[in-house]
Each structure stands twice: as structure tokens, then as C-alpha cells.
Amino acid sequence: MFNRLIRANGRHRRLEGWPLVFTILTTGAILVGTVVEFAPVFLVGGATEPLATVHPPTPLELAGRDLYIREGCNNCHSQMVRPFRQEEIRYGPYTRAAETVYETPHLWGSKRTGPDLMRVGGKYPHLWHVRHMENPRSTSPASIMPPYPHMLTRETDFESLPGKMRGLRRLGLPYTDAEIENAVALAQAQADSIAADVVAQGGPDRLARKEIIALTAYLQRLGTEFDGSPAEEDRELHEEQEAIEVLTDAATPEATPAQASGAAPSPRAN
């Protein structure tokens, strides 16, 4: 055994003495590994084809996505539910590659200081997102997320949207000329609708042009275009999720009426 190790070590040292050969063999090994990693994605039929229910982000959602990246949200929140039972119970159906074909670049991520957000769309009302970004502890008392109150005062750059959409079209996103030409008007209309809902839910007024509305539009989009998994699997997951939420609610300190409604906390609560 010892003699075999000595002989193997000698062969390895001779190989290291041939830098060109060693470089070629190392490069070949890396290329083989690359092919093994990437080939399945291109060989599985439909893996990279968009689902019929998936569409490119609207102009306002596109602006919100840029803000999401700017503020580093993807550093703490992944957008990739893994295909494991415990993952689906907690976050919902696992992420399909076809759901993210219009994500450039994708924001799958792997680190979870905060929860995965792939299925957060529609889970909370618009006002919840406004309050959560303004002061995370107002909606999630145990949250360690930093506040982002500046998003309620800064204006969203609507005028840059046509240029962004033209650039994305060059990368393959199917934006039409009409959508690009009317990007500002489309973004304003969607922002007005979300801002009106925030006011109706008891939130602050005059937010339509603020960054928080664009970010809310993006968050409310996440996961809503998934075409669903088999009905029986959905039913079982829903029942297990409800059971988890009941247990979580029982273990979480009861929220104040202001927190339950999404209202800002009192100064003493801080």
C-alpha cells in the first residue's frame, strides 16, 4: 500500500513538471464539468421556455425590480423555493426555471437571512408592504430587517423606463413598440391604482410616484404567474401550510391592533 502511494506521488510530480500538459488536462476537466452542469438545462424539453401564464414585468414592476436590486434585497432574500417537501410546506410550490425566463439577471439567490420571496405576491395587502418597508417591526415584531423609510419620500424615475425596456428587448424580452412608447403612462396608471388601494386600506396618501409603490408592484408580482401544480398536491400543501401558520401564530406574541391593521407603531413601540 505504501509503495503504491509512493509510485502515485511520483507520477503526479512528473505531471506537475509538464506545465503545458497539466494546463491542458486541467482545462479539459473544467470543460467536462461545465458541460455536465449545464447540459441538462438545455436537454430537458421546455425547461427554458416561458409558461403560458408568464409575461415580462410591466414598466412599474421593472422599476420596482431595479429598486429591489439597488437596495440589496436579494442579498438576504432568495427567490428560489427548492424542490423539497419542507421547502414547499413553508414557501409554496418550488420554483420552475420557466417562471424566470424574463428575469435579467435572475435573482434566485441562496442566502436566507430573511424568508424566500418567490411566492410572496398577493400574500399581503399593498399597505402591509408599505408599512413593512417603512418599519419592519410594525408588521413583523421579531424582524431583524433594517427600515427603508426613504422609499416613501424618493421619487421613482419613470422617464428612464422606455430606455430600459429597449435594452431588455435586445436581450430577448418581447416588449412591443407600443408598450415602450407608453411605458411612462402605463407605469403611472398602475402606480395610481396601487396608491389608491393603499389609501383605501388606511395608509398614507400621495405615494403614487414614490419608490415604495414601484417596489410593492414588483413584490406583488412574485409567484403570481405560476400555472400551478397538481390539484391533490396543492390541497395537501395548503393544509400543511395552514397547520404551520396556526402553530406559528400560537408561538408568536400577539400583535397590537395597530400592527394587525398594518398601521405604523407608536413611538413607544420602537
C-alpha atoms as a PDB file:
ATOM      1  CA  MET A   1       0.000   0.000   0.000  1.00  0.00           C
ATOM      2  CA  PHE A   2       2.775   2.400   0.971  1.00  0.00           C
ATOM      3  CA  ASN A   3       4.716   1.560  -2.202  1.00  0.00           C
ATOM      4  CA  ARG A   4       1.649   2.275  -4.354  1.00  0.00           C
ATOM      5  CA  LEU A   5       1.262   5.698  -2.734  1.00  0.00           C
ATOM      6  CA  ILE A   6       4.906   6.495  -3.434  1.00  0.00           C
ATOM      7  CA  ARG A   7       4.534   5.478  -7.097  1.00  0.00           C
ATOM      8  CA  ALA A   8       1.334   7.532  -7.466  1.00  0.00           C
ATOM      9  CA  ASN A   9       3.039  10.539  -5.922  1.00  0.00           C
ATOM     10  CA  GLY A  10       5.940  10.181  -8.313  1.00  0.00           C
ATOM     11  CA  ARG A  11       3.606  10.116 -11.329  1.00  0.00           C
ATOM     12  CA  HIS A  12       1.815  13.187 -10.038  1.00  0.00           C
ATOM     13  CA  ARG A  13       5.078  15.076  -9.615  1.00  0.00           C
ATOM     14  CA  ARG A  14       6.145  14.196 -13.176  1.00  0.00           C
ATOM     15  CA  LEU A  15       2.800  15.531 -14.422  1.00  0.00           C
ATOM     16  CA  GLU A  16       3.327  18.761 -12.493  1.00  0.00           C
ATOM     17  CA  GLY A  17       6.667  19.048 -14.249  1.00  0.00           C
ATOM     18  CA  TRP A  18       4.871  19.305 -17.616  1.00  0.00           C
ATOM     19  CA  PRO A  19       3.064  22.660 -17.208  1.00  0.00           C
ATOM     20  CA  LEU A  20       1.577  22.679 -20.711  1.00  0.00           C
ATOM     21  CA  VAL A  21       0.177  19.152 -20.418  1.00  0.00           C
ATOM     22  CA  PHE A  22      -1.080  19.860 -16.902  1.00  0.00           C
ATOM     23  CA  THR A  23      -2.807  23.046 -18.096  1.00  0.00           C
ATOM     24  CA  ILE A  24      -4.499  21.227 -20.985  1.00  0.00           C
ATOM     25  CA  LEU A  25      -5.734  18.395 -18.751  1.00  0.00           C
ATOM     26  CA  THR A  26      -6.989  20.838 -16.107  1.00  0.00           C
ATOM     27  CA  THR A  27      -8.830  22.897 -18.729  1.00  0.00           C
ATOM     28  CA  GLY A  28     -10.363  19.718 -20.146  1.00  0.00           C
ATOM     29  CA  ALA A  29     -11.589  18.658 -16.696  1.00  0.00           C
ATOM     30  CA  ILE A  30     -13.183  22.074 -16.132  1.00  0.00           C
ATOM     31  CA  LEU A  31     -14.905  21.973 -19.536  1.00  0.00           C
ATOM     32  CA  VAL A  32     -16.275  18.484 -18.889  1.00  0.00           C
ATOM     33  CA  GLY A  33     -17.640  19.614 -15.540  1.00  0.00           C
ATOM     34  CA  THR A  34     -19.226  22.668 -17.172  1.00  0.00           C
ATOM     35  CA  VAL A  35     -20.976  20.537 -19.786  1.00  0.00           C
ATOM     36  CA  VAL A  36     -22.246  18.138 -17.117  1.00  0.00           C
ATOM     37  CA  GLU A  37     -23.659  21.071 -15.120  1.00  0.00           C
ATOM     38  CA  PHE A  38     -25.316  22.949 -17.994  1.00  0.00           C
ATOM     39  CA  ALA A  39     -26.331  20.250 -20.468  1.00  0.00           C
ATOM     40  CA  PRO A  40     -29.414  19.055 -18.525  1.00  0.00           C
ATOM     41  CA  VAL A  41     -30.954  22.543 -18.648  1.00  0.00           C
ATOM     42  CA  PHE A  42     -30.833  22.575 -22.443  1.00  0.00           C
ATOM     43  CA  LEU A  43     -31.755  18.909 -22.908  1.00  0.00           C
ATOM     44  CA  VAL A  44     -34.886  18.927 -20.751  1.00  0.00           C
ATOM     45  CA  GLY A  45     -37.693  19.933 -23.088  1.00  0.00           C
ATOM     46  CA  GLY A  46     -39.390  23.208 -22.229  1.00  0.00           C
ATOM     47  CA  ALA A  47     -37.170  23.975 -19.248  1.00  0.00           C
ATOM     48  CA  THR A  48     -36.230  27.356 -20.654  1.00  0.00           C
ATOM     49  CA  GLU A  49     -39.481  28.072 -22.473  1.00  0.00           C
ATOM     50  CA  PRO A  50     -41.765  30.562 -20.700  1.00  0.00           C
ATOM     51  CA  LEU A  51     -45.002  29.287 -19.225  1.00  0.00           C
ATOM     52  CA  ALA A  52     -48.147  30.451 -20.999  1.00  0.00           C
ATOM     53  CA  THR A  53     -49.060  32.427 -17.888  1.00  0.00           C
ATOM     54  CA  VAL A  54     -45.691  34.204 -17.589  1.00  0.00           C
ATOM     55  CA  HIS A  55     -45.210  37.678 -19.047  1.00  0.00           C
ATOM     56  CA  PRO A  56     -42.400  40.241 -18.906  1.00  0.00           C
ATOM     57  CA  PRO A  57     -42.640  42.683 -15.990  1.00  0.00           C
ATOM     58  CA  THR A  58     -44.764  45.760 -16.531  1.00  0.00           C
ATOM     59  CA  PRO A  59     -42.923  49.101 -16.646  1.00  0.00           C
ATOM     60  CA  LEU A  60     -43.720  49.808 -12.990  1.00  0.00           C
ATOM     61  CA  GLU A  61     -42.703  46.295 -11.924  1.00  0.00           C
ATOM     62  CA  LEU A  62     -39.471  46.754 -13.875  1.00  0.00           C
ATOM     63  CA  ALA A  63     -38.760  49.955 -11.939  1.00  0.00           C
ATOM     64  CA  GLY A  64     -39.538  48.131  -8.699  1.00  0.00           C
ATOM     65  CA  ARG A  65     -37.180  45.315  -9.595  1.00  0.00           C
ATOM     66  CA  ASP A  66     -34.343  47.786 -10.131  1.00  0.00           C
ATOM     67  CA  LEU A  67     -35.075  49.264  -6.695  1.00  0.00           C
ATOM     68  CA  TYR A  68     -35.123  45.765  -5.194  1.00  0.00           C
ATOM     69  CA  ILE A  69     -31.624  45.191  -6.587  1.00  0.00           C
ATOM     70  CA  ARG A  70     -30.400  48.667  -5.637  1.00  0.00           C
ATOM     71  CA  GLU A  71     -31.401  48.231  -2.014  1.00  0.00           C
ATOM     72  CA  GLY A  72     -29.745  44.797  -1.843  1.00  0.00           C
ATOM     73  CA  CYS A  73     -32.952  42.897  -1.032  1.00  0.00           C
ATOM     74  CA  ASN A  74     -31.670  39.843  -2.924  1.00  0.00           C
ATOM     75  CA  ASN A  75     -28.676  39.688  -0.564  1.00  0.00           C
ATOM     76  CA  CYS A  76     -30.951  38.457   2.234  1.00  0.00           C
ATOM     77  CA  HIS A  77     -33.972  37.039   0.395  1.00  0.00           C
ATOM     78  CA  SER A  78     -33.764  34.224  -2.127  1.00  0.00           C
ATOM     79  CA  GLN A  79     -36.308  33.750  -4.898  1.00  0.00           C
ATOM     80  CA  MET A  80     -35.873  30.040  -5.423  1.00  0.00           C
ATOM     81  CA  VAL A  81     -38.013  27.577  -3.490  1.00  0.00           C
ATOM     82  CA  ARG A  82     -36.149  24.266  -3.565  1.00  0.00           C
ATOM     83  CA  PRO A  83     -37.947  21.064  -4.659  1.00  0.00           C
ATOM     84  CA  PHE A  84     -38.086  19.581  -1.157  1.00  0.00           C
ATOM     85  CA  ARG A  85     -41.181  18.850   0.891  1.00  0.00           C
ATOM     86  CA  GLN A  86     -40.225  21.077   3.812  1.00  0.00           C
ATOM     87  CA  GLU A  87     -39.478  23.941   1.413  1.00  0.00           C
ATOM     88  CA  GLU A  88     -42.852  23.663  -0.285  1.00  0.00           C
ATOM     89  CA  ILE A  89     -44.670  23.447   3.026  1.00  0.00           C
ATOM     90  CA  ARG A  90     -43.075  26.691   4.172  1.00  0.00           C
ATOM     91  CA  TYR A  91     -42.969  28.735   0.978  1.00  0.00           C
ATOM     92  CA  GLY A  92     -45.250  27.075  -1.581  1.00  0.00           C
ATOM     93  CA  PRO A  93     -44.618  25.254  -4.890  1.00  0.00           C
ATOM     94  CA  TYR A  94     -40.953  25.070  -5.842  1.00  0.00           C
ATOM     95  CA  THR A  95     -39.554  27.493  -8.413  1.00  0.00           C
ATOM     96  CA  ARG A  96     -39.610  26.386 -12.052  1.00  0.00           C
ATOM     97  CA  ALA A  97     -36.941  27.587 -14.480  1.00  0.00           C
ATOM     98  CA  ALA A  98     -39.687  28.578 -16.917  1.00  0.00           C
ATOM     99  CA  GLU A  99     -41.031  31.093 -14.403  1.00  0.00           C
ATOM    100  CA  THR A 100     -37.874  33.183 -14.536  1.00  0.00           C
ATOM    101  CA  VAL A 101     -37.093  33.294 -18.269  1.00  0.00           C
ATOM    102  CA  TYR A 102     -37.783  37.044 -18.307  1.00  0.00           C
ATOM    103  CA  GLU A 103     -35.559  37.738 -15.288  1.00  0.00           C
ATOM    104  CA  THR A 104     -32.387  39.517 -16.470  1.00  0.00           C
ATOM    105  CA  PRO A 105     -30.357  38.849 -14.414  1.00  0.00           C
ATOM    106  CA  HIS A 106     -32.166  36.242 -12.343  1.00  0.00           C
ATOM    107  CA  LEU A 107     -32.371  36.774  -8.579  1.00  0.00           C
ATOM    108  CA  TRP A 108     -32.625  33.172  -7.413  1.00  0.00           C
ATOM    109  CA  GLY A 109     -30.059  33.587  -4.656  1.00  0.00           C
ATOM    110  CA  SER A 110     -29.166  31.103  -1.950  1.00  0.00           C
ATOM    111  CA  LYS A 111     -28.795  33.096   1.285  1.00  0.00           C
ATOM    112  CA  ARG A 112     -31.808  33.455   3.541  1.00  0.00           C
ATOM    113  CA  THR A 113     -31.345  35.950   6.304  1.00  0.00           C
ATOM    114  CA  GLY A 114     -34.997  36.657   5.544  1.00  0.00           C
ATOM    115  CA  PRO A 115     -37.642  34.332   4.050  1.00  0.00           C
ATOM    116  CA  ASP A 116     -37.770  33.277   0.424  1.00  0.00           C
ATOM    117  CA  LEU A 117     -39.939  35.713  -1.547  1.00  0.00           C
ATOM    118  CA  MET A 118     -40.699  33.723  -4.679  1.00  0.00           C
ATOM    119  CA  ARG A 119     -44.356  33.234  -3.646  1.00  0.00           C
ATOM    120  CA  VAL A 120     -44.904  36.478  -1.720  1.00  0.00           C
ATOM    121  CA  GLY A 121     -47.084  38.062  -4.430  1.00  0.00           C
ATOM    122  CA  GLY A 122     -50.652  38.556  -3.202  1.00  0.00           C
ATOM    123  CA  LYS A 123     -49.863  37.141   0.244  1.00  0.00           C
ATOM    124  CA  TYR A 124     -50.230  40.559   1.911  1.00  0.00           C
ATOM    125  CA  PRO A 125     -52.195  43.721   1.023  1.00  0.00           C
ATOM    126  CA  HIS A 126     -50.355  46.673  -0.522  1.00  0.00           C
ATOM    127  CA  LEU A 127     -50.384  48.611   2.751  1.00  0.00           C
ATOM    128  CA  TRP A 128     -48.547  45.770   4.508  1.00  0.00           C
ATOM    129  CA  HIS A 129     -45.576  46.219   2.171  1.00  0.00           C
ATOM    130  CA  VAL A 130     -45.601  49.983   2.693  1.00  0.00           C
ATOM    131  CA  ARG A 131     -45.559  49.601   6.478  1.00  0.00           C
ATOM    132  CA  HIS A 132     -43.059  46.752   6.362  1.00  0.00           C
ATOM    133  CA  MET A 133     -40.540  48.757   4.350  1.00  0.00           C
ATOM    134  CA  GLU A 134     -41.080  51.849   6.479  1.00  0.00           C
ATOM    135  CA  ASN A 135     -40.548  49.914   9.713  1.00  0.00           C
ATOM    136  CA  PRO A 136     -40.325  46.095   9.541  1.00  0.00           C
ATOM    137  CA  ARG A 137     -41.120  45.736  13.250  1.00  0.00           C
ATOM    138  CA  SER A 138     -44.554  47.293  12.681  1.00  0.00           C
ATOM    139  CA  THR A 139     -45.688  44.193  10.781  1.00  0.00           C
ATOM    140  CA  SER A 140     -43.198  41.543  11.947  1.00  0.00           C
ATOM    141  CA  PRO A 141     -42.228  42.229  15.590  1.00  0.00           C
ATOM    142  CA  ALA A 142     -39.266  39.815  15.561  1.00  0.00           C
ATOM    143  CA  SER A 143     -37.826  41.052  12.252  1.00  0.00           C
ATOM    144  CA  ILE A 144     -34.126  41.982  12.045  1.00  0.00           C
ATOM    145  CA  MET A 145     -34.590  43.715   8.698  1.00  0.00           C
ATOM    146  CA  PRO A 146     -33.432  47.358   8.539  1.00  0.00           C
ATOM    147  CA  PRO A 147     -36.052  50.051   7.804  1.00  0.00           C
ATOM    148  CA  TYR A 148     -36.267  51.780   4.418  1.00  0.00           C
ATOM    149  CA  PRO A 149     -38.307  54.934   5.158  1.00  0.00           C
ATOM    150  CA  HIS A 150     -36.575  56.844   2.345  1.00  0.00           C
ATOM    151  CA  MET A 151     -38.563  54.807  -0.169  1.00  0.00           C
ATOM    152  CA  LEU A 152     -41.708  56.630   0.942  1.00  0.00           C
ATOM    153  CA  THR A 153     -40.187  60.000   0.049  1.00  0.00           C
ATOM    154  CA  ARG A 154     -37.992  59.396  -3.004  1.00  0.00           C
ATOM    155  CA  GLU A 155     -39.480  59.714  -6.490  1.00  0.00           C
ATOM    156  CA  THR A 156     -39.383  56.815  -8.950  1.00  0.00           C
ATOM    157  CA  ASP A 157     -37.569  57.552 -12.193  1.00  0.00           C
ATOM    158  CA  PHE A 158     -40.363  56.849 -14.684  1.00  0.00           C
ATOM    159  CA  GLU A 159     -38.654  58.673 -17.545  1.00  0.00           C
ATOM    160  CA  SER A 160     -35.862  56.080 -17.806  1.00  0.00           C
ATOM    161  CA  LEU A 161     -38.283  53.180 -18.344  1.00  0.00           C
ATOM    162  CA  PRO A 162     -38.516  53.334 -22.185  1.00  0.00           C
ATOM    163  CA  GLY A 163     -34.729  53.122 -22.473  1.00  0.00           C
ATOM    164  CA  LYS A 164     -34.576  50.186 -20.058  1.00  0.00           C
ATOM    165  CA  MET A 165     -37.272  48.338 -21.971  1.00  0.00           C
ATOM    166  CA  ARG A 166     -35.481  48.882 -25.287  1.00  0.00           C
ATOM    167  CA  GLY A 167     -32.325  47.432 -23.769  1.00  0.00           C
ATOM    168  CA  LEU A 168     -34.194  44.423 -22.412  1.00  0.00           C
ATOM    169  CA  ARG A 169     -35.843  43.849 -25.779  1.00  0.00           C
ATOM    170  CA  ARG A 170     -32.375  43.484 -27.287  1.00  0.00           C
ATOM    171  CA  LEU A 171     -31.782  40.744 -24.716  1.00  0.00           C
ATOM    172  CA  GLY A 172     -34.903  38.880 -25.807  1.00  0.00           C
ATOM    173  CA  LEU A 173     -37.788  40.235 -23.753  1.00  0.00           C
ATOM    174  CA  PRO A 174     -40.855  40.601 -26.017  1.00  0.00           C
ATOM    175  CA  TYR A 175     -41.749  44.220 -25.346  1.00  0.00           C
ATOM    176  CA  THR A 176     -43.715  45.828 -28.164  1.00  0.00           C
ATOM    177  CA  ASP A 177     -43.153  49.296 -29.591  1.00  0.00           C
ATOM    178  CA  ALA A 178     -46.473  50.409 -28.121  1.00  0.00           C
ATOM    179  CA  GLU A 179     -45.506  49.222 -24.630  1.00  0.00           C
ATOM    180  CA  ILE A 180     -42.184  51.024 -24.836  1.00  0.00           C
ATOM    181  CA  GLU A 181     -43.674  54.263 -26.175  1.00  0.00           C
ATOM    182  CA  ASN A 182     -46.373  54.260 -23.478  1.00  0.00           C
ATOM    183  CA  ALA A 183     -44.144  52.994 -20.664  1.00  0.00           C
ATOM    184  CA  VAL A 184     -44.462  56.126 -18.526  1.00  0.00           C
ATOM    185  CA  ALA A 185     -48.246  56.263 -18.877  1.00  0.00           C
ATOM    186  CA  LEU A 186     -48.586  52.532 -18.132  1.00  0.00           C
ATOM    187  CA  ALA A 187     -46.378  52.837 -15.066  1.00  0.00           C
ATOM    188  CA  GLN A 188     -48.320  55.863 -13.833  1.00  0.00           C
ATOM    189  CA  ALA A 189     -51.663  54.094 -14.251  1.00  0.00           C
ATOM    190  CA  GLN A 190     -50.529  51.037 -12.296  1.00  0.00           C
ATOM    191  CA  ALA A 191     -48.930  53.232  -9.624  1.00  0.00           C
ATOM    192  CA  ASP A 192     -52.139  55.246  -9.235  1.00  0.00           C
ATOM    193  CA  SER A 193     -54.114  52.024  -8.758  1.00  0.00           C
ATOM    194  CA  ILE A 194     -51.775  50.653  -6.079  1.00  0.00           C
ATOM    195  CA  ALA A 195     -51.553  54.022  -4.305  1.00  0.00           C
ATOM    196  CA  ALA A 196     -55.353  54.240  -4.235  1.00  0.00           C
ATOM    197  CA  ASP A 197     -55.530  50.793  -2.643  1.00  0.00           C
ATOM    198  CA  VAL A 198     -53.009  51.853  -0.002  1.00  0.00           C
ATOM    199  CA  VAL A 199     -55.186  54.853   0.895  1.00  0.00           C
ATOM    200  CA  ALA A 200     -58.320  52.679   0.948  1.00  0.00           C
ATOM    201  CA  GLN A 201     -56.570  50.316   3.362  1.00  0.00           C
ATOM    202  CA  GLY A 202     -55.846  53.205   5.737  1.00  0.00           C
ATOM    203  CA  GLY A 203     -52.372  54.134   4.542  1.00  0.00           C
ATOM    204  CA  PRO A 204     -50.739  57.442   3.590  1.00  0.00           C
ATOM    205  CA  ASP A 205     -51.763  59.458   0.534  1.00  0.00           C
ATOM    206  CA  ARG A 206     -49.744  60.803  -2.409  1.00  0.00           C
ATOM    207  CA  LEU A 207     -47.443  57.822  -2.817  1.00  0.00           C
ATOM    208  CA  ALA A 208     -48.092  57.076  -6.487  1.00  0.00           C
ATOM    209  CA  ARG A 209     -44.772  58.480  -7.686  1.00  0.00           C
ATOM    210  CA  LYS A 210     -42.766  57.222  -4.715  1.00  0.00           C
ATOM    211  CA  GLU A 211     -40.328  54.338  -4.884  1.00  0.00           C
ATOM    212  CA  ILE A 212     -42.307  52.288  -2.362  1.00  0.00           C
ATOM    213  CA  ILE A 213     -45.173  51.871  -4.846  1.00  0.00           C
ATOM    214  CA  ALA A 214     -42.865  50.587  -7.595  1.00  0.00           C
ATOM    215  CA  LEU A 215     -41.252  48.134  -5.169  1.00  0.00           C
ATOM    216  CA  THR A 216     -44.671  46.986  -3.981  1.00  0.00           C
ATOM    217  CA  ALA A 217     -45.722  46.370  -7.584  1.00  0.00           C
ATOM    218  CA  TYR A 218     -42.687  44.131  -8.090  1.00  0.00           C
ATOM    219  CA  LEU A 219     -43.170  42.210  -4.837  1.00  0.00           C
ATOM    220  CA  GLN A 220     -46.865  41.658  -5.546  1.00  0.00           C
ATOM    221  CA  ARG A 221     -45.909  40.113  -8.885  1.00  0.00           C
ATOM    222  CA  LEU A 222     -43.611  37.426  -7.490  1.00  0.00           C
ATOM    223  CA  GLY A 223     -45.007  33.940  -7.914  1.00  0.00           C
ATOM    224  CA  THR A 224     -48.429  35.022  -9.154  1.00  0.00           C
ATOM    225  CA  GLU A 225     -47.885  33.800 -12.717  1.00  0.00           C
ATOM    226  CA  PHE A 226     -47.159  30.193 -11.777  1.00  0.00           C
ATOM    227  CA  ASP A 227     -49.636  27.890 -13.520  1.00  0.00           C
ATOM    228  CA  GLY A 228     -49.936  25.592 -10.513  1.00  0.00           C
ATOM    229  CA  SER A 229     -49.053  22.041  -9.575  1.00  0.00           C
ATOM    230  CA  PRO A 230     -51.409  19.018  -9.442  1.00  0.00           C
ATOM    231  CA  ALA A 231     -54.572  19.779  -7.508  1.00  0.00           C
ATOM    232  CA  GLU A 232     -54.086  16.983  -4.959  1.00  0.00           C
ATOM    233  CA  GLU A 233     -50.550  18.132  -4.182  1.00  0.00           C
ATOM    234  CA  ASP A 234     -51.770  21.725  -3.851  1.00  0.00           C
ATOM    235  CA  ARG A 235     -54.505  20.652  -1.438  1.00  0.00           C
ATOM    236  CA  GLU A 236     -52.115  18.703   0.779  1.00  0.00           C
ATOM    237  CA  LEU A 237     -49.565  21.518   0.807  1.00  0.00           C
ATOM    238  CA  HIS A 238     -52.269  24.072   1.613  1.00  0.00           C
ATOM    239  CA  GLU A 239     -53.458  22.012   4.582  1.00  0.00           C
ATOM    240  CA  GLU A 240     -49.906  21.608   5.878  1.00  0.00           C
ATOM    241  CA  GLN A 241     -49.195  25.325   5.407  1.00  0.00           C
ATOM    242  CA  GLU A 242     -52.333  26.215   7.357  1.00  0.00           C
ATOM    243  CA  ALA A 243     -51.258  23.908  10.178  1.00  0.00           C
ATOM    244  CA  ILE A 244     -47.786  25.509  10.243  1.00  0.00           C
ATOM    245  CA  GLU A 245     -49.326  29.009  10.330  1.00  0.00           C
ATOM    246  CA  VAL A 246     -51.610  28.047  13.227  1.00  0.00           C
ATOM    247  CA  LEU A 247     -48.636  26.762  15.218  1.00  0.00           C
ATOM    248  CA  THR A 248     -46.575  29.849  14.309  1.00  0.00           C
ATOM    249  CA  ASP A 249     -49.381  32.211  15.354  1.00  0.00           C
ATOM    250  CA  ALA A 250     -49.709  30.386  18.659  1.00  0.00           C
ATOM    251  CA  ALA A 251     -45.982  30.793  19.352  1.00  0.00           C
ATOM    252  CA  THR A 252     -45.768  34.452  18.237  1.00  0.00           C
ATOM    253  CA  PRO A 253     -46.554  37.303  20.668  1.00  0.00           C
ATOM    254  CA  GLU A 254     -49.940  38.780  19.882  1.00  0.00           C
ATOM    255  CA  ALA A 255     -49.725  41.845  17.656  1.00  0.00           C
ATOM    256  CA  THR A 256     -51.255  45.124  18.719  1.00  0.00           C
ATOM    257  CA  PRO A 257     -54.353  46.365  16.841  1.00  0.00           C
ATOM    258  CA  ALA A 258     -52.132  48.871  15.011  1.00  0.00           C
ATOM    259  CA  GLN A 259     -49.736  46.133  13.898  1.00  0.00           C
ATOM    260  CA  ALA A 260     -52.570  43.857  12.824  1.00  0.00           C
ATOM    261  CA  SER A 261     -54.014  46.571  10.595  1.00  0.00           C
ATOM    262  CA  GLY A 262     -50.668  47.447   9.069  1.00  0.00           C
ATOM    263  CA  ALA A 263     -50.513  50.832  10.791  1.00  0.00           C
ATOM    264  CA  ALA A 264     -47.260  52.402  11.918  1.00  0.00           C
ATOM    265  CA  PRO A 265     -46.262  51.626  15.532  1.00  0.00           C
ATOM    266  CA  SER A 266     -46.352  54.224  18.266  1.00  0.00           C
ATOM    267  CA  PRO A 267     -43.026  55.822  19.246  1.00  0.00           C
ATOM    268  CA  ARG A 268     -43.006  53.800  22.446  1.00  0.00           C
ATOM    269  CA  ALA A 269     -43.201  50.563  20.410  1.00  0.00           C
ATOM    270  CA  ASN A 270     -39.820  51.368  18.886  1.00  0.00           C
END
